Amino acid sequence: MTTTPERAGTCPAATTDAPAFPFASGPGHPLDVPAEFTRLREQCPVQRVTLPYGGEGHLVSRYADVKQVLSDRRLSRAATVGVDVPRTVREITAPGHLLAMDPPEHTRLRRLVASAFTERSVQRWRPRIQEIIDGLIDDLREQATAGEPVDLVAHFSMPLPMTVICELLGVPPQDRHYFRRVAEVAFSNGSATSEEMQKVGEEFGTYLYGHIGRLRENPGQDLMSQLIAARDEDEDRLTEAELISLAGTILLAGYETTAAELSNFVYTLLDQDRWTWLVDHPQHLDSAVEELLRYIALGGGDVLPRLTTQDVEIGGTVIPAGESVIAAMISANRDADIFDDPDVLDLERTHNPHVAFGHGPHHCTGAQLARLELRLALSSLLKAFPDLTLATAAAADVPWRKGSLVRGPEKLLLRW
C-alpha cells in the first residue's frame, strides 16, 4: 500500500495550528530540553510554528529528519540572507559569512581552515592548552584563599577558550578583553539593539582589518597568518572580505559556546550528584564529555533557518518551496529511536551519535578543538578539586544568561 505524504501544516496531532517557538525550558532544570519536543517527535515531527520574527516556519524534531535538513542541499542557508525569512533571531547572518553560504562557495572557504582543526592538528595544541588550564587552576586556588566561593565562569570557563582561540589567531593578550563584549553582542537575541549590533560589528571588522595588516607585515605561526598567506598567494582563493569574515567567525564561535558548555558541564555533574562518580571513574571521561554534549541543551534549537528551494518531503510531510525550516538538534539528541533512555544522563553511554556539533556541510569546523578543551579542562578540574560543590542551594539561585543564543550560568559559585 502506498501512502501519500502530508502537506505541510496538516499534522493531525498538532494541538494548535502554529504554536510559538522557541519553547520555554519549563519550571525544572534551566538546561532542560522543553517537554514539547517529546510530543512532537512522537506525534508531529514536522510542526508548523510561529517564530519570533518573520511569521511561520516548520520545526523538525526527529533525529533522522534533523540530519536530512542539515545535509539536504534543497534547503539553503544562503537563500535566507537579506530576506525577512521566518526565524528565531532578529538579525540574519550577513552576506559572505561562512554560516550563510551553501556549497560550493561554502566548501571552498571551509577547506581553507579545515586542516587546522583536524584531530591530528588540534592535538599539537594539547601541551599549550594544558599549560593554560594549569595556570587557571592556580588562579582558582588563589581566589579561594579568602574562604569565599569562587566564580568558575570568570576565572576559568571564559578565559580558557578565549586564550586558546586568540593565540590560535595571533591576537595579542592586551586585545583579548575586547572580544568578550563583541561575543556578548554577537550571541545576543533581543538584548542588544540593531544599532548596537551594527556598531559593534563595524568596530570588530575595523579591528580585524588592522590585525590582519599587522600580521601581514610580521607573520607568525598562527592560523591567521596561514590564512593571510593563502589570500595573498592566490587572489582567487580568498578575498579580503572573506578573510575578515573567517577570522571573526573563528574567534567568536571558538569562544562563546565552549565557555558556556564548560560551565554547564560542571553545573550538571554537581547538580545531578555525578561529580564524585566521575572523580572515581576517570576512565569514562571521554564518554562523559560526549554524553554531556548530547544531554545539555546549549541552545533552544538551530537558530539559523533554511529555506526550501523546491518542494521537499521531510518525515512524510511535503514542505513547499520558499518556506523556512528549523532543525531542532537538541530534540534530535533526545530521540528514543536512537538513544536508549534519552532523558537519562548516562556517563557510560557507548552508542552516542549526537548532533551537538551539527551535521552535513555546516558541521562545526572547530568540533575537535572544543572536544580537546572540554576533556582537558574537565579532567584537570576533577583531579584538582575532587570535593567540589555548588555554593548555591538550587538552580534558581544560579544567575543564568538572559537574552543569549546559548544557555549557561552568568556566574557559577563553587566551594571545595
Protein backbone atom coordinates (compact mmCIF):
# COMPACT_ATOMS: atom_id res chain seq x y z
CA MET A 1 0.00 0.00 0.00
CA THR A 2 1.36 3.43 -0.94
CA THR A 3 0.91 6.33 1.47
CA THR A 4 0.57 9.93 0.35
CA PRO A 5 2.80 12.44 2.15
CA GLU A 6 1.00 15.07 4.20
CA ARG A 7 1.16 18.67 3.10
CA ALA A 8 2.97 20.99 5.47
CA GLY A 9 0.83 22.18 8.36
CA THR A 10 -1.68 19.32 8.20
CA CYS A 11 -0.19 17.24 11.02
CA PRO A 12 -3.25 15.74 12.76
CA ALA A 13 -1.54 15.58 16.15
CA ALA A 14 -0.83 19.32 16.36
CA THR A 15 -2.62 20.86 19.33
CA THR A 16 -2.63 24.26 17.64
CA ASP A 17 -2.06 25.37 14.08
CA ALA A 18 1.26 27.05 14.83
CA PRO A 19 2.47 27.15 18.45
CA ALA A 20 5.05 29.75 19.39
CA PHE A 21 8.69 28.69 19.12
CA PRO A 22 11.25 28.63 20.79
CA PHE A 23 9.62 26.77 23.65
CA ALA A 24 10.27 27.74 27.26
CA SER A 25 12.59 25.43 29.19
CA GLY A 26 9.88 24.92 31.81
CA PRO A 27 9.92 25.01 35.61
CA GLY A 28 12.62 22.35 36.01
CA HIS A 29 16.33 22.47 35.31
CA PRO A 30 17.30 25.65 33.38
CA LEU A 31 19.15 23.49 30.85
CA ASP A 32 16.23 21.08 30.34
CA VAL A 33 15.02 20.20 26.87
CA PRO A 34 11.44 21.55 26.58
CA ALA A 35 8.85 18.80 27.09
CA GLU A 36 7.01 19.80 23.89
CA PHE A 37 9.72 18.11 21.84
CA THR A 38 8.79 14.68 23.21
CA ARG A 39 5.22 15.04 21.96
CA LEU A 40 6.31 16.41 18.61
CA ARG A 41 8.75 13.56 17.98
CA GLU A 42 6.03 11.03 18.75
CA GLN A 43 3.05 12.69 17.10
CA CYS A 44 4.00 15.58 14.83
CA PRO A 45 7.66 15.51 13.76
CA VAL A 46 7.23 18.34 11.24
CA GLN A 47 5.24 21.05 13.02
CA ARG A 48 4.29 24.45 11.69
CA VAL A 49 5.30 27.02 14.33
CA THR A 50 5.10 30.76 14.83
CA LEU A 51 8.60 32.23 15.05
CA PRO A 52 9.56 35.48 16.81
CA TYR A 53 10.47 37.19 13.53
CA GLY A 54 9.07 36.87 10.02
CA GLY A 55 6.00 34.71 10.59
CA GLU A 56 5.57 30.94 10.45
CA GLY A 57 8.03 28.18 9.66
CA HIS A 58 8.43 24.44 10.12
CA LEU A 59 10.05 22.79 13.14
CA VAL A 60 11.68 19.41 12.56
CA SER A 61 12.27 17.36 15.72
CA ARG A 62 13.21 13.73 14.92
CA TYR A 63 16.84 12.66 14.64
CA ALA A 64 16.70 11.29 11.09
CA ASP A 65 14.71 14.27 9.82
CA VAL A 66 17.02 16.79 11.53
CA LYS A 67 20.01 15.18 9.82
CA GLN A 68 18.20 15.42 6.49
CA VAL A 69 17.55 19.13 6.98
CA LEU A 70 21.19 19.74 7.90
CA SER A 71 22.54 17.95 4.83
CA ASP A 72 19.90 18.31 2.07
CA ARG A 73 21.08 20.87 -0.49
CA ARG A 74 17.48 21.70 -1.36
CA LEU A 75 17.38 23.54 1.97
CA SER A 76 19.52 26.66 1.65
CA ARG A 77 21.12 28.98 4.17
CA ALA A 78 22.31 31.40 1.51
CA ALA A 79 18.70 31.98 0.40
CA THR A 80 17.86 33.44 3.84
CA VAL A 81 20.29 36.37 3.55
CA GLY A 82 18.60 39.73 3.00
CA VAL A 83 15.13 38.20 3.25
CA ASP A 84 12.53 38.62 6.01
CA VAL A 85 12.52 34.85 6.45
CA PRO A 86 10.68 33.37 9.46
CA ARG A 87 13.38 32.91 12.10
CA THR A 88 14.18 32.77 15.81
CA VAL A 89 16.74 35.60 15.76
CA ARG A 90 16.31 39.25 14.89
CA GLU A 91 19.40 39.55 12.71
CA ILE A 92 20.23 37.06 9.94
CA THR A 93 23.91 36.41 9.24
CA ALA A 94 25.40 38.89 6.75
CA PRO A 95 26.22 38.00 3.12
CA GLY A 96 29.64 36.43 2.65
CA HIS A 97 29.61 34.89 6.12
CA LEU A 98 30.64 31.23 6.25
CA LEU A 99 27.45 30.30 8.11
CA ALA A 100 25.32 31.94 5.42
CA MET A 101 26.80 30.08 2.46
CA ASP A 102 25.90 26.94 0.56
CA PRO A 103 28.23 24.62 -1.33
CA PRO A 104 30.28 25.07 -3.46
CA GLU A 105 31.16 28.56 -2.13
CA HIS A 106 30.95 27.30 1.45
CA THR A 107 33.12 24.28 0.61
CA ARG A 108 35.89 26.46 -0.81
CA LEU A 109 36.18 28.58 2.32
CA ARG A 110 35.72 25.74 4.77
CA ARG A 111 38.52 23.78 3.12
CA LEU A 112 40.97 26.60 3.87
CA VAL A 113 40.51 26.31 7.61
CA ALA A 114 39.53 22.64 7.99
CA SER A 115 43.13 21.37 8.00
CA ALA A 116 43.89 23.45 11.11
CA PHE A 117 41.04 21.78 13.02
CA THR A 118 41.55 18.10 12.26
CA GLU A 119 42.07 15.90 15.30
CA ARG A 120 45.74 15.46 14.38
CA SER A 121 46.32 19.21 14.01
CA VAL A 122 44.44 20.03 17.18
CA GLN A 123 46.49 17.57 19.23
CA ARG A 124 49.53 19.76 18.62
CA TRP A 125 47.84 22.31 20.86
CA ARG A 126 47.42 19.85 23.74
CA PRO A 127 50.57 20.89 25.71
CA ARG A 128 49.76 24.59 25.41
CA ILE A 129 46.08 24.12 26.34
CA GLN A 130 47.09 22.08 29.37
CA GLU A 131 49.55 24.81 30.35
CA ILE A 132 46.78 27.42 30.17
CA ILE A 133 44.46 25.19 32.23
CA ASP A 134 47.10 24.62 34.91
CA GLY A 135 47.60 28.37 35.23
CA LEU A 136 43.86 28.97 35.58
CA ILE A 137 43.57 26.26 38.24
CA ASP A 138 46.33 28.01 40.18
CA ASP A 139 44.28 31.20 39.87
CA LEU A 140 41.18 29.40 41.21
CA ARG A 141 43.16 28.26 44.25
CA GLU A 142 44.38 31.80 44.89
CA GLN A 143 40.85 33.18 44.60
CA ALA A 144 39.65 30.70 47.24
CA THR A 145 42.20 31.72 49.89
CA ALA A 146 39.78 34.18 51.48
CA GLY A 147 37.24 31.44 52.13
CA GLU A 148 34.64 32.91 49.79
CA PRO A 149 33.12 30.88 46.92
CA VAL A 150 34.88 31.21 43.57
CA ASP A 151 33.20 32.03 40.25
CA LEU A 152 34.15 29.36 37.71
CA VAL A 153 32.81 31.44 34.81
CA ALA A 154 35.01 34.47 35.40
CA HIS A 155 38.15 32.65 36.48
CA PHE A 156 38.13 29.54 34.30
CA SER A 157 35.35 28.90 31.77
CA MET A 158 35.64 32.24 29.99
CA PRO A 159 39.42 32.82 29.97
CA LEU A 160 40.30 29.29 28.80
CA PRO A 161 38.69 29.27 25.32
CA MET A 162 39.36 32.99 24.92
CA THR A 163 43.10 32.48 25.44
CA VAL A 164 43.21 29.42 23.18
CA ILE A 165 41.34 30.91 20.25
CA CYS A 166 43.17 34.25 20.45
CA GLU A 167 46.55 32.52 20.45
CA LEU A 168 45.39 30.39 17.53
CA LEU A 169 44.67 33.57 15.55
CA GLY A 170 47.63 35.60 16.79
CA VAL A 171 45.62 38.12 18.82
CA PRO A 172 47.88 39.80 21.40
CA PRO A 173 46.96 39.49 25.11
CA GLN A 174 46.19 43.20 25.52
CA ASP A 175 43.37 42.97 22.95
CA ARG A 176 41.58 39.88 24.26
CA HIS A 177 39.27 41.59 26.74
CA TYR A 178 37.62 43.33 23.78
CA PHE A 179 36.22 40.08 22.38
CA ARG A 180 34.13 39.36 25.48
CA ARG A 181 31.87 42.30 24.66
CA VAL A 182 31.83 41.50 20.93
CA ALA A 183 30.79 37.92 21.69
CA GLU A 184 28.04 39.05 24.06
CA VAL A 185 26.52 41.24 21.35
CA ALA A 186 27.01 38.67 18.57
CA PHE A 187 25.25 35.95 20.59
CA SER A 188 22.53 38.20 21.95
CA ASN A 189 18.95 37.52 20.96
CA GLY A 190 17.00 40.69 21.60
CA SER A 191 19.12 42.04 24.44
CA ALA A 192 21.19 44.21 22.07
CA THR A 193 19.61 46.68 19.66
CA SER A 194 20.08 46.53 15.91
CA GLU A 195 22.07 49.75 16.10
CA GLU A 196 24.32 48.36 18.81
CA MET A 197 24.90 45.15 16.85
CA GLN A 198 25.76 47.14 13.73
CA LYS A 199 28.11 49.45 15.63
CA VAL A 200 29.94 46.59 17.37
CA GLY A 201 30.11 44.65 14.09
CA GLU A 202 31.70 47.59 12.28
CA GLU A 203 34.21 48.14 15.10
CA PHE A 204 35.05 44.44 15.10
CA GLY A 205 35.60 44.50 11.34
CA THR A 206 37.88 47.52 11.68
CA TYR A 207 39.89 45.78 14.39
CA LEU A 208 40.28 42.61 12.31
CA TYR A 209 41.34 44.66 9.29
CA GLY A 210 44.11 46.24 11.36
CA HIS A 211 45.07 42.93 12.96
CA ILE A 212 45.40 41.30 9.54
CA GLY A 213 47.57 44.20 8.38
CA ARG A 214 49.93 43.78 11.33
CA LEU A 215 50.24 40.04 10.75
CA ARG A 216 50.80 40.60 7.04
CA GLU A 217 53.86 42.69 7.90
CA ASN A 218 55.05 40.35 10.67
CA PRO A 219 53.56 36.87 10.12
CA GLY A 220 53.73 34.22 12.81
CA GLN A 221 52.97 30.51 13.08
CA ASP A 222 49.28 31.10 13.89
CA LEU A 223 46.29 30.16 11.77
CA MET A 224 45.55 33.78 10.87
CA SER A 225 48.99 34.17 9.30
CA GLN A 226 48.34 30.99 7.30
CA LEU A 227 45.02 32.35 6.03
CA ILE A 228 46.68 35.63 5.07
CA ALA A 229 49.28 33.70 3.08
CA ALA A 230 46.52 31.77 1.32
CA ARG A 231 44.80 35.03 0.40
CA ASP A 232 47.96 36.78 -0.79
CA GLU A 233 49.40 33.87 -2.77
CA ASP A 234 46.27 33.33 -4.85
CA GLU A 235 43.69 36.09 -5.22
CA ASP A 236 41.04 33.60 -6.32
CA ARG A 237 41.23 31.57 -3.14
CA LEU A 238 40.30 34.15 -0.53
CA THR A 239 39.14 37.75 -0.80
CA GLU A 240 39.98 40.33 1.85
CA ALA A 241 36.32 40.42 2.96
CA GLU A 242 36.26 36.62 3.22
CA LEU A 243 39.47 36.71 5.24
CA ILE A 244 37.97 39.16 7.74
CA SER A 245 34.72 37.17 7.93
CA LEU A 246 36.55 33.90 8.55
CA ALA A 247 38.68 35.42 11.30
CA GLY A 248 35.61 36.84 13.03
CA THR A 249 33.69 33.59 12.77
CA ILE A 250 36.53 31.52 14.23
CA LEU A 251 37.15 33.97 17.08
CA LEU A 252 33.54 34.22 18.20
CA ALA A 253 32.38 30.65 17.56
CA GLY A 254 35.51 29.23 19.16
CA TYR A 255 34.97 31.12 22.38
CA GLU A 256 31.39 31.67 23.50
CA THR A 257 29.96 28.17 23.04
CA THR A 258 32.91 26.36 24.60
CA ALA A 259 32.89 28.71 27.59
CA ALA A 260 29.18 28.15 28.17
CA GLU A 261 29.44 24.38 27.78
CA LEU A 262 32.29 24.10 30.25
CA SER A 263 30.25 25.84 32.94
CA ASN A 264 27.21 23.75 32.00
CA PHE A 265 29.24 20.53 32.30
CA VAL A 266 30.41 21.35 35.82
CA TYR A 267 26.98 22.54 36.92
CA THR A 268 25.19 19.46 35.56
CA LEU A 269 27.62 16.99 37.12
CA LEU A 270 27.32 18.69 40.51
CA ASP A 271 23.57 19.19 40.29
CA GLN A 272 22.98 15.52 39.44
CA ASP A 273 25.49 14.25 42.03
CA ARG A 274 27.73 12.79 39.32
CA TRP A 275 30.93 14.72 40.07
CA THR A 276 32.23 12.29 42.67
CA TRP A 277 31.37 9.31 40.46
CA LEU A 278 33.44 10.74 37.63
CA VAL A 279 36.28 11.52 40.04
CA ASP A 280 36.30 7.81 40.92
CA HIS A 281 35.89 6.63 37.31
CA PRO A 282 38.25 8.78 35.20
CA GLN A 283 38.39 6.07 32.52
CA HIS A 284 34.92 7.21 31.46
CA LEU A 285 35.92 10.83 30.86
CA ASP A 286 35.64 10.67 27.07
CA SER A 287 32.21 9.05 27.10
CA ALA A 288 31.12 11.52 29.80
CA VAL A 289 32.09 14.51 27.64
CA GLU A 290 30.17 13.12 24.66
CA GLU A 291 27.16 12.39 26.86
CA LEU A 292 27.18 15.87 28.36
CA LEU A 293 27.31 17.33 24.84
CA ARG A 294 24.26 15.26 23.92
CA TYR A 295 22.34 15.78 27.13
CA ILE A 296 22.73 19.51 27.70
CA ALA A 297 20.56 21.86 25.64
CA LEU A 298 23.10 24.57 24.89
CA GLY A 299 20.57 26.46 22.76
CA GLY A 300 16.87 26.29 22.05
CA GLY A 301 17.47 24.72 18.63
CA ASP A 302 19.27 25.55 15.40
CA VAL A 303 18.81 29.32 15.32
CA LEU A 304 19.77 29.65 11.65
CA PRO A 305 16.83 28.73 9.42
CA ARG A 306 17.00 27.22 5.98
CA LEU A 307 14.73 27.95 3.03
CA THR A 308 13.42 25.21 0.79
CA THR A 309 14.46 25.91 -2.81
CA GLN A 310 11.91 23.38 -4.08
CA ASP A 311 9.24 21.13 -2.62
CA VAL A 312 10.93 18.79 -0.12
CA GLU A 313 9.49 15.79 1.69
CA ILE A 314 10.68 15.53 5.28
CA GLY A 315 9.35 12.94 7.69
CA GLY A 316 6.36 12.19 5.48
CA THR A 317 5.43 15.86 5.13
CA VAL A 318 5.89 17.87 1.94
CA ILE A 319 7.21 21.37 2.62
CA PRO A 320 6.68 23.70 -0.36
CA ALA A 321 9.46 25.74 -1.94
CA GLY A 322 10.28 29.05 -0.28
CA GLU A 323 9.39 28.01 3.29
CA SER A 324 11.51 28.32 6.43
CA VAL A 325 12.68 25.17 8.20
CA ILE A 326 14.25 24.92 11.67
CA ALA A 327 16.17 21.76 12.63
CA ALA A 328 15.91 21.17 16.39
CA MET A 329 19.21 19.47 17.19
CA ILE A 330 18.50 19.45 20.93
CA SER A 331 15.38 17.43 20.18
CA ALA A 332 17.25 15.05 17.89
CA ASN A 333 19.66 14.35 20.74
CA ARG A 334 16.75 13.07 22.86
CA ASP A 335 15.22 10.80 20.19
CA ALA A 336 14.39 7.41 21.73
CA ASP A 337 14.72 5.74 18.33
CA ILE A 338 18.46 6.48 18.50
CA PHE A 339 19.37 6.75 22.19
CA ASP A 340 18.40 4.34 24.98
CA ASP A 341 16.78 6.20 27.89
CA PRO A 342 17.45 9.53 26.15
CA ASP A 343 16.37 11.67 29.11
CA VAL A 344 18.88 9.98 31.43
CA LEU A 345 22.42 11.32 31.83
CA ASP A 346 24.42 8.12 31.25
CA LEU A 347 28.13 8.88 31.55
CA GLU A 348 28.99 5.37 30.35
CA ARG A 349 26.89 5.59 27.17
CA THR A 350 28.74 3.88 24.33
CA HIS A 351 26.38 4.44 21.36
CA ASN A 352 26.22 8.21 21.14
CA PRO A 353 25.93 9.63 17.59
CA HIS A 354 24.73 13.02 18.85
CA VAL A 355 24.42 16.09 16.65
CA ALA A 356 25.57 18.67 19.19
CA PHE A 357 28.10 19.92 16.63
CA GLY A 358 25.61 19.76 13.77
CA HIS A 359 25.76 17.58 10.68
CA GLY A 360 26.47 17.92 6.99
CA PRO A 361 28.28 20.85 5.30
CA HIS A 362 27.90 23.11 8.34
CA HIS A 363 29.12 20.58 10.92
CA CYS A 364 31.18 22.62 13.38
CA THR A 365 34.69 23.08 11.99
CA GLY A 366 36.14 23.53 15.47
CA ALA A 367 34.50 20.44 17.00
CA GLN A 368 37.80 18.66 17.66
CA LEU A 369 39.31 21.74 19.31
CA ALA A 370 36.22 22.13 21.52
CA ARG A 371 36.36 18.45 22.49
CA LEU A 372 40.03 18.71 23.43
CA GLU A 373 39.47 21.82 25.55
CA LEU A 374 36.46 20.29 27.31
CA ARG A 375 38.22 16.97 28.01
CA LEU A 376 41.42 18.54 29.31
CA ALA A 377 39.57 21.15 31.37
CA LEU A 378 37.13 18.69 32.94
CA SER A 379 39.86 16.14 33.65
CA SER A 380 42.02 18.78 35.33
CA LEU A 381 39.17 20.14 37.43
CA LEU A 382 38.22 16.63 38.61
CA LYS A 383 41.80 15.95 39.69
CA ALA A 384 42.36 19.36 41.31
CA PHE A 385 39.01 19.64 43.12
CA PRO A 386 37.57 16.18 43.88
CA ASP A 387 35.40 17.67 46.66
CA LEU A 388 33.92 20.42 44.50
CA THR A 389 30.40 21.57 45.42
CA LEU A 390 27.93 24.22 44.34
CA ALA A 391 27.83 27.25 46.61
CA THR A 392 24.15 27.73 45.77
CA ALA A 393 21.33 25.62 47.16
CA ALA A 394 19.25 25.31 43.99
CA ALA A 395 19.23 26.01 40.25
CA ALA A 396 17.01 29.02 40.89
CA ASP A 397 19.83 30.59 42.90
CA VAL A 398 22.24 30.48 39.95
CA PRO A 399 22.15 33.62 37.75
CA TRP A 400 21.52 32.30 34.24
CA ARG A 401 22.18 34.07 30.96
CA LYS A 402 19.28 36.09 29.59
CA GLY A 403 18.83 37.27 26.02
CA SER A 404 21.55 34.98 24.68
CA LEU A 405 21.54 32.34 21.96
CA VAL A 406 23.44 29.97 24.26
CA ARG A 407 22.36 28.79 27.68
CA GLY A 408 24.60 28.80 30.70
CA PRO A 409 25.26 30.50 34.02
CA GLU A 410 26.47 34.08 34.16
CA LYS A 411 28.19 33.11 37.39
CA LEU A 412 28.84 29.68 38.89
CA LEU A 413 29.95 29.95 42.51
CA LEU A 414 31.82 26.90 43.81
CA ARG A 415 33.45 25.69 47.00
CA TRP A 416 35.93 22.92 47.80
